[in-house]
């Protein structure tokens, strides 16, 4: 993990300079996330990134 705001350069991920970087700690002040879904409700146990796999496989089976 890197300190919040650090960019690893050079980055060979494209032709243009990058605007963001992965690798920050989830508890850093600016580590925001969003979950968009077409489901009316989400199970209460979906609280962390690893839970998304279970959510997706449940949606496929339904």
Protein backbone atom coordinates (compact mmCIF):
# COMPACT_ATOMS: atom_id res chain seq x y z
CA UNK A 1 0.00 0.00 0.00
CA UNK A 2 1.07 3.55 -0.63
CA UNK A 3 0.34 6.71 1.32
CA UNK A 4 -2.81 8.50 0.21
CA UNK A 5 -2.10 10.81 -2.72
CA UNK A 6 1.02 9.00 -3.94
CA UNK A 7 1.11 8.19 -7.65
CA UNK A 8 3.42 5.53 -9.01
CA UNK A 9 5.14 7.12 -12.00
CA UNK A 10 5.86 6.35 -14.73
CA UNK A 11 2.70 4.42 -15.33
CA UNK A 12 2.50 2.63 -18.63
CA UNK A 13 -1.26 2.09 -18.41
CA UNK A 14 -2.11 4.36 -21.35
CA UNK A 15 -1.12 7.32 -23.46
CA UNK A 16 -2.45 9.99 -21.06
CA UNK A 17 -1.36 10.74 -17.49
CA UNK A 18 -3.34 8.89 -14.86
CA UNK A 19 -5.76 10.73 -12.58
CA UNK A 20 -5.98 8.15 -9.80
CA UNK A 21 -4.12 5.21 -8.33
CA UNK A 22 -5.03 1.95 -6.62
CA UNK A 23 -3.26 0.73 -3.53
CA UNK A 24 -4.48 3.08 -0.82
CA UNK A 25 -5.66 1.75 2.53
CA UNK A 26 -9.48 1.57 2.79
CA UNK A 27 -9.38 3.60 6.01
CA UNK A 28 -7.67 6.56 4.34
CA UNK A 29 -9.81 9.70 4.46
CA UNK A 30 -10.46 9.84 0.70
CA UNK A 31 -11.05 6.14 0.03
CA UNK A 32 -14.62 6.41 -1.18
CA UNK A 33 -16.58 3.62 -2.82
CA UNK A 34 -20.00 3.11 -4.34
CA UNK A 35 -22.08 0.08 -5.18
CA UNK A 36 -24.62 0.42 -7.96
CA UNK A 37 -27.19 -2.32 -8.41
CA UNK A 38 -30.50 -3.05 -10.06
CA UNK A 39 -31.67 -4.86 -6.91
CA UNK A 40 -34.29 -3.20 -4.72
CA UNK A 41 -32.43 -4.22 -1.55
CA UNK A 42 -29.06 -5.64 -0.61
CA UNK A 43 -28.47 -8.34 1.99
CA UNK A 44 -27.33 -6.85 5.30
CA UNK A 45 -24.17 -9.01 5.24
CA UNK A 46 -22.82 -7.22 2.13
CA UNK A 47 -20.49 -4.79 3.89
CA UNK A 48 -17.04 -5.35 2.30
CA UNK A 49 -15.53 -5.86 -1.15
CA UNK A 50 -15.11 -9.67 -0.76
CA UNK A 51 -18.86 -9.98 -0.20
CA UNK A 52 -19.55 -8.76 -3.75
CA UNK A 53 -18.55 -12.11 -5.27
CA UNK A 54 -21.22 -13.86 -3.21
CA UNK A 55 -23.74 -11.20 -4.21
CA UNK A 56 -22.96 -11.63 -7.91
CA UNK A 57 -23.11 -15.42 -7.84
CA UNK A 58 -26.40 -15.26 -5.94
CA UNK A 59 -27.81 -12.90 -8.59
CA UNK A 60 -26.79 -15.28 -11.41
CA UNK A 61 -28.38 -18.28 -9.71
CA UNK A 62 -31.65 -16.43 -9.02
